[in-house]
């Protein structure tokens, strides 16, 4: 197994653990349920996360038709970008599944 593949698997496992933690600790005024307000208070962070997701999807879509791109470091960075954004979404869904809609402010 390549070193980059191990890094991707480790990154995915970290997000699986964080999702399980979000599910177990969700509730009113808890970070697991209320972290989504942070990008609302800091719009550049929201724009950055959106840009990471869109650019990562574009790179992975291009790599699907060009196998030589998969050896490039940009492909691995894009993989991490997709894992990051999907991890944030799954943490949000896990907390919502556990506690439903809660008060944060």
PDB file of N, CA and C in Angstrom:
ATOM      1  N   UNK A   1       0.851  -1.177   0.000  1.00  0.00           N
ATOM      2  CA  UNK A   1       0.000   0.000   0.000  1.00  0.00           C
ATOM      3  C   UNK A   1       0.894   1.237   0.000  1.00  0.00           C
ATOM      4  N   UNK A   2       0.563   2.170  -0.852  1.00  0.00           N
ATOM      5  CA  UNK A   2       1.358   3.395  -0.953  1.00  0.00           C
ATOM      6  C   UNK A   2       1.178   4.257   0.279  1.00  0.00           C
ATOM      7  N   UNK A   3       2.180   5.086   0.516  1.00  0.00           N
ATOM      8  CA  UNK A   3       2.144   5.985   1.663  1.00  0.00           C
ATOM      9  C   UNK A   3       0.983   6.972   1.553  1.00  0.00           C
ATOM     10  N   UNK A   4       0.730   7.469   0.351  1.00  0.00           N
ATOM     11  CA  UNK A   4      -0.376   8.414   0.157  1.00  0.00           C
ATOM     12  C   UNK A   4      -1.724   7.746   0.421  1.00  0.00           C
ATOM     13  N   UNK A   5      -1.846   6.492   0.031  1.00  0.00           N
ATOM     14  CA  UNK A   5      -3.090   5.768   0.283  1.00  0.00           C
ATOM     15  C   UNK A   5      -3.315   5.595   1.774  1.00  0.00           C
ATOM     16  N   UNK A   6      -2.252   5.330   2.510  1.00  0.00           N
ATOM     17  CA  UNK A   6      -2.368   5.219   3.974  1.00  0.00           C
ATOM     18  C   UNK A   6      -2.819   6.537   4.585  1.00  0.00           C
ATOM     19  N   UNK A   7      -2.300   7.643   4.074  1.00  0.00           N
ATOM     20  CA  UNK A   7      -2.704   8.953   4.590  1.00  0.00           C
ATOM     21  C   UNK A   7      -4.182   9.209   4.330  1.00  0.00           C
ATOM     22  N   UNK A   8      -4.647   8.830   3.151  1.00  0.00           N
ATOM     23  CA  UNK A   8      -6.063   9.001   2.813  1.00  0.00           C
ATOM     24  C   UNK A   8      -6.925   8.145   3.740  1.00  0.00           C
ATOM     25  N   UNK A   9      -6.540   6.896   3.942  1.00  0.00           N
ATOM     26  CA  UNK A   9      -7.307   6.019   4.827  1.00  0.00           C
ATOM     27  C   UNK A   9      -7.310   6.533   6.259  1.00  0.00           C
ATOM     28  N   UNK A  10      -6.167   7.017   6.728  1.00  0.00           N
ATOM     29  CA  UNK A  10      -6.101   7.577   8.080  1.00  0.00           C
ATOM     30  C   UNK A  10      -7.002   8.800   8.200  1.00  0.00           C
ATOM     31  N   UNK A  11      -6.969   9.672   7.203  1.00  0.00           N
ATOM     32  CA  UNK A  11      -7.805  10.869   7.215  1.00  0.00           C
ATOM     33  C   UNK A  11      -9.286  10.484   7.239  1.00  0.00           C
ATOM     34  N   UNK A  12      -9.658   9.501   6.447  1.00  0.00           N
ATOM     35  CA  UNK A  12     -11.054   9.048   6.435  1.00  0.00           C
ATOM     36  C   UNK A  12     -11.440   8.440   7.781  1.00  0.00           C
ATOM     37  N   UNK A  13     -10.544   7.670   8.384  1.00  0.00           N
ATOM     38  CA  UNK A  13     -10.834   7.071   9.694  1.00  0.00           C
ATOM     39  C   UNK A  13     -10.958   8.123  10.787  1.00  0.00           C
ATOM     40  N   UNK A  14     -10.181   9.189  10.696  1.00  0.00           N
ATOM     41  CA  UNK A  14     -10.311  10.289  11.661  1.00  0.00           C
ATOM     42  C   UNK A  14     -11.707  10.883  11.566  1.00  0.00           C
ATOM     43  N   UNK A  15     -12.202  11.080  10.342  1.00  0.00           N
ATOM     44  CA  UNK A  15     -13.537  11.648  10.182  1.00  0.00           C
ATOM     45  C   UNK A  15     -14.627  10.680  10.609  1.00  0.00           C
ATOM     46  N   UNK A  16     -14.405   9.386  10.448  1.00  0.00           N
ATOM     47  CA  UNK A  16     -15.369   8.401  10.955  1.00  0.00           C
ATOM     48  C   UNK A  16     -15.439   8.494  12.478  1.00  0.00           C
ATOM     49  N   UNK A  17     -14.279   8.613  13.126  1.00  0.00           N
ATOM     50  CA  UNK A  17     -14.253   8.751  14.587  1.00  0.00           C
ATOM     51  C   UNK A  17     -14.911  10.056  15.031  1.00  0.00           C
ATOM     52  N   UNK A  18     -14.643  11.148  14.324  1.00  0.00           N
ATOM     53  CA  UNK A  18     -15.270  12.428  14.671  1.00  0.00           C
ATOM     54  C   UNK A  18     -16.785  12.391  14.457  1.00  0.00           C
ATOM     55  N   UNK A  19     -17.229  11.668  13.446  1.00  0.00           N
ATOM     56  CA  UNK A  19     -18.666  11.524  13.218  1.00  0.00           C
ATOM     57  C   UNK A  19     -19.315  10.744  14.356  1.00  0.00           C
ATOM     58  N   UNK A  20     -18.667   9.677  14.792  1.00  0.00           N
ATOM     59  CA  UNK A  20     -19.193   8.913  15.931  1.00  0.00           C
ATOM     60  C   UNK A  20     -19.219   9.772  17.192  1.00  0.00           C
ATOM     61  N   UNK A  21     -18.189  10.571  17.393  1.00  0.00           N
ATOM     62  CA  UNK A  21     -18.144  11.469  18.545  1.00  0.00           C
ATOM     63  C   UNK A  21     -19.247  12.519  18.462  1.00  0.00           C
ATOM     64  N   UNK A  22     -19.484  13.059  17.278  1.00  0.00           N
ATOM     65  CA  UNK A  22     -20.558  14.043  17.101  1.00  0.00           C
ATOM     66  C   UNK A  22     -21.913  13.422  17.406  1.00  0.00           C
ATOM     67  N   UNK A  23     -22.098  12.190  17.005  1.00  0.00           N
ATOM     68  CA  UNK A  23     -23.362  11.503  17.278  1.00  0.00           C
ATOM     69  C   UNK A  23     -23.566  11.315  18.783  1.00  0.00           C
ATOM     70  N   UNK A  24     -22.499  10.963  19.478  1.00  0.00           N
ATOM     71  CA  UNK A  24     -22.599  10.686  20.914  1.00  0.00           C
ATOM     72  C   UNK A  24     -22.690  11.936  21.771  1.00  0.00           C
ATOM     73  N   UNK A  25     -22.189  13.070  21.308  1.00  0.00           N
ATOM     74  CA  UNK A  25     -22.160  14.278  22.145  1.00  0.00           C
ATOM     75  C   UNK A  25     -23.119  15.360  21.675  1.00  0.00           C
ATOM     76  N   UNK A  26     -23.990  15.053  20.751  1.00  0.00           N
ATOM     77  CA  UNK A  26     -24.907  16.066  20.216  1.00  0.00           C
ATOM     78  C   UNK A  26     -25.924  16.488  21.268  1.00  0.00           C
ATOM     79  N   UNK A  27     -26.310  17.748  21.191  1.00  0.00           N
ATOM     80  CA  UNK A  27     -27.326  18.274  22.096  1.00  0.00           C
ATOM     81  C   UNK A  27     -27.343  19.789  22.041  1.00  0.00           C
ATOM     82  N   UNK A  28     -28.282  20.417  22.770  1.00  0.00           N
ATOM     83  CA  UNK A  28     -28.351  21.881  22.772  1.00  0.00           C
ATOM     84  C   UNK A  28     -27.070  22.502  23.316  1.00  0.00           C
ATOM     85  N   UNK A  29     -26.609  23.533  22.647  1.00  0.00           N
ATOM     86  CA  UNK A  29     -25.420  24.298  23.045  1.00  0.00           C
ATOM     87  C   UNK A  29     -24.158  23.433  23.121  1.00  0.00           C
ATOM     88  N   UNK A  30     -24.104  22.365  22.366  1.00  0.00           N
ATOM     89  CA  UNK A  30     -22.917  21.508  22.309  1.00  0.00           C
ATOM     90  C   UNK A  30     -22.215  21.754  20.984  1.00  0.00           C
ATOM     91  N   UNK A  31     -20.896  21.654  20.995  1.00  0.00           N
ATOM     92  CA  UNK A  31     -20.118  21.937  19.787  1.00  0.00           C
ATOM     93  C   UNK A  31     -20.514  21.024  18.634  1.00  0.00           C
ATOM     94  N   UNK A  32     -20.795  19.763  18.922  1.00  0.00           N
ATOM     95  CA  UNK A  32     -21.145  18.819  17.857  1.00  0.00           C
ATOM     96  C   UNK A  32     -22.385  19.259  17.092  1.00  0.00           C
ATOM     97  N   UNK A  33     -23.311  19.904  17.779  1.00  0.00           N
ATOM     98  CA  UNK A  33     -24.549  20.331  17.132  1.00  0.00           C
ATOM     99  C   UNK A  33     -24.491  21.762  16.620  1.00  0.00           C
ATOM    100  N   UNK A  34     -23.546  22.553  17.105  1.00  0.00           N
ATOM    101  CA  UNK A  34     -23.574  23.992  16.822  1.00  0.00           C
ATOM    102  C   UNK A  34     -22.344  24.522  16.084  1.00  0.00           C
ATOM    103  N   UNK A  35     -21.443  23.676  15.626  1.00  0.00           N
ATOM    104  CA  UNK A  35     -20.239  24.176  14.967  1.00  0.00           C
ATOM    105  C   UNK A  35     -20.568  24.890  13.654  1.00  0.00           C
ATOM    106  N   UNK A  36     -21.746  24.625  13.093  1.00  0.00           N
ATOM    107  CA  UNK A  36     -22.103  25.196  11.797  1.00  0.00           C
ATOM    108  C   UNK A  36     -22.264  26.707  11.846  1.00  0.00           C
ATOM    109  N   UNK A  37     -22.412  27.297  13.038  1.00  0.00           N
ATOM    110  CA  UNK A  37     -22.556  28.754  13.098  1.00  0.00           C
ATOM    111  C   UNK A  37     -21.214  29.460  12.939  1.00  0.00           C
ATOM    112  N   UNK A  38     -20.108  28.740  13.089  1.00  0.00           N
ATOM    113  CA  UNK A  38     -18.783  29.355  12.941  1.00  0.00           C
ATOM    114  C   UNK A  38     -18.602  29.944  11.538  1.00  0.00           C
ATOM    115  N   UNK A  39     -18.873  29.196  10.450  1.00  0.00           N
ATOM    116  CA  UNK A  39     -18.739  29.813   9.116  1.00  0.00           C
ATOM    117  C   UNK A  39     -19.699  30.979   8.884  1.00  0.00           C
ATOM    118  N   UNK A  40     -20.820  31.016   9.607  1.00  0.00           N
ATOM    119  CA  UNK A  40     -21.736  32.146   9.458  1.00  0.00           C
ATOM    120  C   UNK A  40     -21.133  33.426  10.019  1.00  0.00           C
ATOM    121  N   UNK A  41     -20.370  33.307  11.103  1.00  0.00           N
ATOM    122  CA  UNK A  41     -19.731  34.474  11.703  1.00  0.00           C
ATOM    123  C   UNK A  41     -18.442  34.866  10.988  1.00  0.00           C
ATOM    124  N   UNK A  42     -17.847  33.919  10.276  1.00  0.00           N
ATOM    125  CA  UNK A  42     -16.611  34.168   9.529  1.00  0.00           C
ATOM    126  C   UNK A  42     -16.838  33.771   8.072  1.00  0.00           C
ATOM    127  N   UNK A  43     -17.456  34.647   7.272  1.00  0.00           N
ATOM    128  CA  UNK A  43     -17.772  34.300   5.881  1.00  0.00           C
ATOM    129  C   UNK A  43     -16.572  33.833   5.049  1.00  0.00           C
ATOM    130  N   UNK A  44     -15.351  34.362   5.279  1.00  0.00           N
ATOM    131  CA  UNK A  44     -14.238  33.831   4.482  1.00  0.00           C
ATOM    132  C   UNK A  44     -14.011  32.331   4.701  1.00  0.00           C
ATOM    133  N   UNK A  45     -14.295  31.843   5.897  1.00  0.00           N
ATOM    134  CA  UNK A  45     -14.154  30.410   6.156  1.00  0.00           C
ATOM    135  C   UNK A  45     -15.177  29.614   5.348  1.00  0.00           C
ATOM    136  N   UNK A  46     -16.375  30.114   5.275  1.00  0.00           N
ATOM    137  CA  UNK A  46     -17.414  29.459   4.486  1.00  0.00           C
ATOM    138  C   UNK A  46     -17.035  29.432   3.008  1.00  0.00           C
ATOM    139  N   UNK A  47     -16.528  30.546   2.514  1.00  0.00           N
ATOM    140  CA  UNK A  47     -16.100  30.622   1.114  1.00  0.00           C
ATOM    141  C   UNK A  47     -14.927  29.680   0.865  1.00  0.00           C
ATOM    142  N   UNK A  48     -13.997  29.607   1.810  1.00  0.00           N
ATOM    143  CA  UNK A  48     -12.846  28.713   1.678  1.00  0.00           C
ATOM    144  C   UNK A  48     -13.283  27.250   1.619  1.00  0.00           C
ATOM    145  N   UNK A  49     -14.179  26.842   2.504  1.00  0.00           N
ATOM    146  CA  UNK A  49     -14.656  25.455   2.492  1.00  0.00           C
ATOM    147  C   UNK A  49     -15.375  25.132   1.185  1.00  0.00           C
ATOM    148  N   UNK A  50     -16.165  26.075   0.691  1.00  0.00           N
ATOM    149  CA  UNK A  50     -16.863  25.872  -0.577  1.00  0.00           C
ATOM    150  C   UNK A  50     -15.859  25.763  -1.727  1.00  0.00           C
ATOM    151  N   UNK A  51     -14.843  26.620  -1.731  1.00  0.00           N
ATOM    152  CA  UNK A  51     -13.823  26.585  -2.788  1.00  0.00           C
ATOM    153  C   UNK A  51     -13.024  25.285  -2.746  1.00  0.00           C
ATOM    154  N   UNK A  52     -12.707  24.821  -1.544  1.00  0.00           N
ATOM    155  CA  UNK A  52     -11.990  23.547  -1.414  1.00  0.00           C
ATOM    156  C   UNK A  52     -12.817  22.420  -2.009  1.00  0.00           C
ATOM    157  N   UNK A  53     -14.095  22.394  -1.684  1.00  0.00           N
ATOM    158  CA  UNK A  53     -14.951  21.319  -2.182  1.00  0.00           C
ATOM    159  C   UNK A  53     -15.086  21.363  -3.703  1.00  0.00           C
ATOM    160  N   UNK A  54     -15.372  22.519  -4.260  1.00  0.00           N
ATOM    161  CA  UNK A  54     -15.574  22.632  -5.712  1.00  0.00           C
ATOM    162  C   UNK A  54     -14.292  22.301  -6.474  1.00  0.00           C
ATOM    163  N   UNK A  55     -13.156  22.853  -6.021  1.00  0.00           N
ATOM    164  CA  UNK A  55     -11.900  22.580  -6.733  1.00  0.00           C
ATOM    165  C   UNK A  55     -11.489  21.118  -6.585  1.00  0.00           C
ATOM    166  N   UNK A  56     -11.738  20.523  -5.434  1.00  0.00           N
ATOM    167  CA  UNK A  56     -11.394  19.114  -5.242  1.00  0.00           C
ATOM    168  C   UNK A  56     -12.231  18.216  -6.140  1.00  0.00           C
ATOM    169  N   UNK A  57     -13.517  18.501  -6.236  1.00  0.00           N
ATOM    170  CA  UNK A  57     -14.384  17.716  -7.123  1.00  0.00           C
ATOM    171  C   UNK A  57     -13.937  17.869  -8.574  1.00  0.00           C
ATOM    172  N   UNK A  58     -13.549  19.073  -8.968  1.00  0.00           N
ATOM    173  CA  UNK A  58     -13.094  19.302 -10.345  1.00  0.00           C
ATOM    174  C   UNK A  58     -11.831  18.498 -10.645  1.00  0.00           C
ATOM    175  N   UNK A  59     -10.890  18.488  -9.712  1.00  0.00           N
ATOM    176  CA  UNK A  59      -9.648  17.730  -9.921  1.00  0.00           C
ATOM    177  C   UNK A  59      -9.935  16.233  -9.981  1.00  0.00           C
ATOM    178  N   UNK A  60     -10.776  15.735  -9.084  1.00  0.00           N
ATOM    179  CA  UNK A  60     -11.090  14.304  -9.099  1.00  0.00           C
ATOM    180  C   UNK A  60     -11.860  13.910 -10.354  1.00  0.00           C
ATOM    181  N   UNK A  61     -12.714  14.785 -10.850  1.00  0.00           N
ATOM    182  CA  UNK A  61     -13.432  14.502 -12.095  1.00  0.00           C
ATOM    183  C   UNK A  61     -12.467  14.460 -13.278  1.00  0.00           C
ATOM    184  N   UNK A  62     -11.503  15.364 -13.291  1.00  0.00           N
ATOM    185  CA  UNK A  62     -10.503  15.359 -14.367  1.00  0.00           C
ATOM    186  C   UNK A  62      -9.617  14.124 -14.276  1.00  0.00           C
ATOM    187  N   UNK A  63      -9.302  13.703 -13.057  1.00  0.00           N
ATOM    188  CA  UNK A  63      -8.446  12.527 -12.874  1.00  0.00           C
ATOM    189  C   UNK A  63      -9.160  11.239 -13.268  1.00  0.00           C
ATOM    190  N   UNK A  64     -10.481  11.253 -13.280  1.00  0.00           N
ATOM    191  CA  UNK A  64     -11.224  10.057 -13.676  1.00  0.00           C
ATOM    192  C   UNK A  64     -10.971   9.703 -15.135  1.00  0.00           C
ATOM    193  N   UNK A  65     -10.755  10.717 -15.967  1.00  0.00           N
ATOM    194  CA  UNK A  65     -10.525  10.452 -17.386  1.00  0.00           C
ATOM    195  C   UNK A  65      -9.044  10.417 -17.755  1.00  0.00           C
ATOM    196  N   UNK A  66      -8.180  10.843 -16.841  1.00  0.00           N
ATOM    197  CA  UNK A  66      -6.739  10.841 -17.107  1.00  0.00           C
ATOM    198  C   UNK A  66      -6.009  10.122 -15.972  1.00  0.00           C
ATOM    199  N   UNK A  67      -5.760   8.840 -16.121  1.00  0.00           N
ATOM    200  CA  UNK A  67      -5.128   8.066 -15.053  1.00  0.00           C
ATOM    201  C   UNK A  67      -3.743   8.577 -14.647  1.00  0.00           C
ATOM    202  N   UNK A  68      -3.042   9.260 -15.538  1.00  0.00           N
ATOM    203  CA  UNK A  68      -1.713   9.766 -15.185  1.00  0.00           C
ATOM    204  C   UNK A  68      -1.790  10.864 -14.133  1.00  0.00           C
ATOM    205  N   UNK A  69      -2.936  11.524 -14.045  1.00  0.00           N
ATOM    206  CA  UNK A  69      -3.105  12.579 -13.045  1.00  0.00           C
ATOM    207  C   UNK A  69      -3.127  12.028 -11.627  1.00  0.00           C
ATOM    208  N   UNK A  70      -3.470  10.756 -11.483  1.00  0.00           N
ATOM    209  CA  UNK A  70      -3.603  10.167 -10.153  1.00  0.00           C
ATOM    210  C   UNK A  70      -2.278  10.046  -9.424  1.00  0.00           C
ATOM    211  N   UNK A  71      -1.178  10.153 -10.134  1.00  0.00           N
ATOM    212  CA  UNK A  71       0.133  10.096  -9.499  1.00  0.00           C
ATOM    213  C   UNK A  71       0.591  11.472  -9.026  1.00  0.00           C
ATOM    214  N   UNK A  72      -0.087  12.505  -9.451  1.00  0.00           N
ATOM    215  CA  UNK A  72       0.298  13.876  -9.111  1.00  0.00           C
ATOM    216  C   UNK A  72      -0.161  14.229  -7.703  1.00  0.00           C
ATOM    217  N   UNK A  73       0.593  15.091  -7.039  1.00  0.00           N
ATOM    218  CA  UNK A  73       0.256  15.469  -5.662  1.00  0.00           C
ATOM    219  C   UNK A  73      -1.056  16.244  -5.578  1.00  0.00           C
ATOM    220  N   UNK A  74      -1.449  16.914  -6.650  1.00  0.00           N
ATOM    221  CA  UNK A  74      -2.714  17.646  -6.657  1.00  0.00           C
ATOM    222  C   UNK A  74      -3.904  16.700  -6.501  1.00  0.00           C
ATOM    223  N   UNK A  75      -3.788  15.504  -7.059  1.00  0.00           N
ATOM    224  CA  UNK A  75      -4.848  14.506  -6.911  1.00  0.00           C
ATOM    225  C   UNK A  75      -5.016  14.120  -5.449  1.00  0.00           C
ATOM    226  N   UNK A  76      -3.909  13.921  -4.754  1.00  0.00           N
ATOM    227  CA  UNK A  76      -3.984  13.523  -3.341  1.00  0.00           C
ATOM    228  C   UNK A  76      -4.493  14.671  -2.480  1.00  0.00           C
ATOM    229  N   UNK A  77      -4.107  15.881  -2.804  1.00  0.00           N
ATOM    230  CA  UNK A  77      -4.632  17.044  -2.067  1.00  0.00           C
ATOM    231  C   UNK A  77      -6.137  17.180  -2.298  1.00  0.00           C
ATOM    232  N   UNK A  78      -6.576  16.941  -3.519  1.00  0.00           N
ATOM    233  CA  UNK A  78      -8.012  17.000  -3.814  1.00  0.00           C
ATOM    234  C   UNK A  78      -8.768  15.905  -3.073  1.00  0.00           C
ATOM    235  N   UNK A  79      -8.160  14.743  -2.951  1.00  0.00           N
ATOM    236  CA  UNK A  79      -8.795  13.662  -2.191  1.00  0.00           C
ATOM    237  C   UNK A  79      -8.983  14.064  -0.737  1.00  0.00           C
ATOM    238  N   UNK A  80      -7.966  14.688  -0.166  1.00  0.00           N
ATOM    239  CA  UNK A  80      -8.077  15.167   1.215  1.00  0.00           C
ATOM    240  C   UNK A  80      -9.138  16.265   1.332  1.00  0.00           C
ATOM    241  N   UNK A  81      -9.244  17.114   0.322  1.00  0.00           N
ATOM    242  CA  UNK A  81     -10.257  18.169   0.339  1.00  0.00           C
ATOM    243  C   UNK A  81     -11.669  17.616   0.335  1.00  0.00           C
ATOM    244  N   UNK A  82     -11.896  16.586  -0.457  1.00  0.00           N
ATOM    245  CA  UNK A  82     -13.220  15.961  -0.491  1.00  0.00           C
ATOM    246  C   UNK A  82     -13.511  15.271   0.838  1.00  0.00           C
ATOM    247  N   UNK A  83     -12.519  14.595   1.396  1.00  0.00           N
ATOM    248  CA  UNK A  83     -12.714  13.932   2.688  1.00  0.00           C
ATOM    249  C   UNK A  83     -13.018  14.958   3.766  1.00  0.00           C
ATOM    250  N   UNK A  84     -12.326  16.092   3.749  1.00  0.00           N
ATOM    251  CA  UNK A  84     -12.573  17.149   4.732  1.00  0.00           C
ATOM    252  C   UNK A  84     -14.009  17.654   4.654  1.00  0.00           C
ATOM    253  N   UNK A  85     -14.447  18.019   3.474  1.00  0.00           N
ATOM    254  CA  UNK A  85     -15.785  18.602   3.356  1.00  0.00           C
ATOM    255  C   UNK A  85     -16.879  17.563   3.593  1.00  0.00           C
ATOM    256  N   UNK A  86     -16.697  16.356   3.102  1.00  0.00           N
ATOM    257  CA  UNK A  86     -17.689  15.317   3.372  1.00  0.00           C
ATOM    258  C   UNK A  86     -17.686  14.920   4.843  1.00  0.00           C
ATOM    259  N   UNK A  87     -16.518  14.976   5.478  1.00  0.00           N
ATOM    260  CA  UNK A  87     -16.453  14.706   6.918  1.00  0.00           C
ATOM    261  C   UNK A  87     -17.223  15.733   7.717  1.00  0.00           C
ATOM    262  N   UNK A  88     -17.112  16.995   7.342  1.00  0.00           N
ATOM    263  CA  UNK A  88     -17.877  18.040   8.026  1.00  0.00           C
ATOM    264  C   UNK A  88     -19.379  17.828   7.848  1.00  0.00           C
ATOM    265  N   UNK A  89     -19.775  17.443   6.650  1.00  0.00           N
ATOM    266  CA  UNK A  89     -21.196  17.207   6.389  1.00  0.00           C
ATOM    267  C   UNK A  89     -21.700  16.008   7.189  1.00  0.00           C
ATOM    268  N   UNK A  90     -20.928  14.924   7.230  1.00  0.00           N
ATOM    269  CA  UNK A  90     -21.382  13.743   7.968  1.00  0.00           C
ATOM    270  C   UNK A  90     -21.424  14.001   9.471  1.00  0.00           C
ATOM    271  N   UNK A  91     -20.506  14.816   9.984  1.00  0.00           N
ATOM    272  CA  UNK A  91     -20.581  15.183  11.406  1.00  0.00           C
ATOM    273  C   UNK A  91     -21.861  15.959  11.681  1.00  0.00           C
ATOM    274  N   UNK A  92     -22.201  16.855  10.785  1.00  0.00           N
ATOM    275  CA  UNK A  92     -23.434  17.625  10.920  1.00  0.00           C
ATOM    276  C   UNK A  92     -24.650  16.702  10.892  1.00  0.00           C
ATOM    277  N   UNK A  93     -24.690  15.786   9.947  1.00  0.00           N
ATOM    278  CA  UNK A  93     -25.826  14.870   9.845  1.00  0.00           C
ATOM    279  C   UNK A  93     -25.912  13.934  11.046  1.00  0.00           C
ATOM    280  N   UNK A  94     -24.771  13.488  11.551  1.00  0.00           N
ATOM    281  CA  UNK A  94     -24.779  12.604  12.721  1.00  0.00           C
ATOM    282  C   UNK A  94     -25.322  13.324  13.948  1.00  0.00           C
ATOM    283  N   UNK A  95     -24.895  14.563  14.151  1.00  0.00           N
ATOM    284  CA  UNK A  95     -25.393  15.332  15.295  1.00  0.00           C
ATOM    285  C   UNK A  95     -26.881  15.614  15.144  1.00  0.00           C
ATOM    286  N   UNK A  96     -27.313  15.919  13.934  1.00  0.00           N
ATOM    287  CA  UNK A  96     -28.737  16.181  13.702  1.00  0.00           C
ATOM    288  C   UNK A  96     -29.563  14.913  13.914  1.00  0.00           C
ATOM    289  N   UNK A  97     -29.029  13.777  13.478  1.00  0.00           N
ATOM    290  CA  UNK A  97     -29.722  12.508  13.665  1.00  0.00           C
ATOM    291  C   UNK A  97     -29.864  12.176  15.146  1.00  0.00           C
ATOM    292  N   UNK A  98     -28.832  12.472  15.915  1.00  0.00           N
ATOM    293  CA  UNK A  98     -28.846  12.136  17.340  1.00  0.00           C
ATOM    294  C   UNK A  98     -29.751  13.052  18.152  1.00  0.00           C
ATOM    295  N   UNK A  99     -29.722  14.349  17.882  1.00  0.00           N
ATOM    296  CA  UNK A  99     -30.427  15.299  18.747  1.00  0.00           C
ATOM    297  C   UNK A  99     -31.516  16.091  18.045  1.00  0.00           C
ATOM    298  N   UNK A 100     -31.580  16.039  16.741  1.00  0.00           N
ATOM    299  CA  UNK A 100     -32.552  16.853  16.029  1.00  0.00           C
ATOM    300  C   UNK A 100     -32.110  18.305  15.990  1.00  0.00           C
ATOM    301  N   UNK A 101     -33.034  19.187  15.678  1.00  0.00           N
ATOM    302  CA  UNK A 101     -32.713  20.611  15.629  1.00  0.00           C
ATOM    303  C   UNK A 101     -32.627  21.143  17.056  1.00  0.00           C
ATOM    304  N   UNK A 102     -31.516  21.824  17.365  1.00  0.00           N
ATOM    305  CA  UNK A 102     -31.284  22.315  18.725  1.00  0.00           C
ATOM    306  C   UNK A 102     -30.978  23.807  18.695  1.00  0.00           C
ATOM    307  N   UNK A 103     -31.091  24.455  19.858  1.00  0.00           N
ATOM    308  CA  UNK A 103     -30.722  25.863  19.999  1.00  0.00           C
ATOM    309  C   UNK A 103     -29.215  25.980  20.153  1.00  0.00           C
ATOM    310  N   UNK A 104     -28.644  26.969  19.473  1.00  0.00           N
ATOM    311  CA  UNK A 104     -27.196  27.176  19.549  1.00  0.00           C
ATOM    312  C   UNK A 104     -26.826  28.550  20.083  1.00  0.00           C
ATOM    313  N   UNK A 105     -27.685  29.532  19.900  1.00  0.00           N
ATOM    314  CA  UNK A 105     -27.377  30.878  20.389  1.00  0.00           C
ATOM    315  C   UNK A 105     -28.453  31.373  21.318  1.00  0.00           C
TER     316      UNK A 105
END
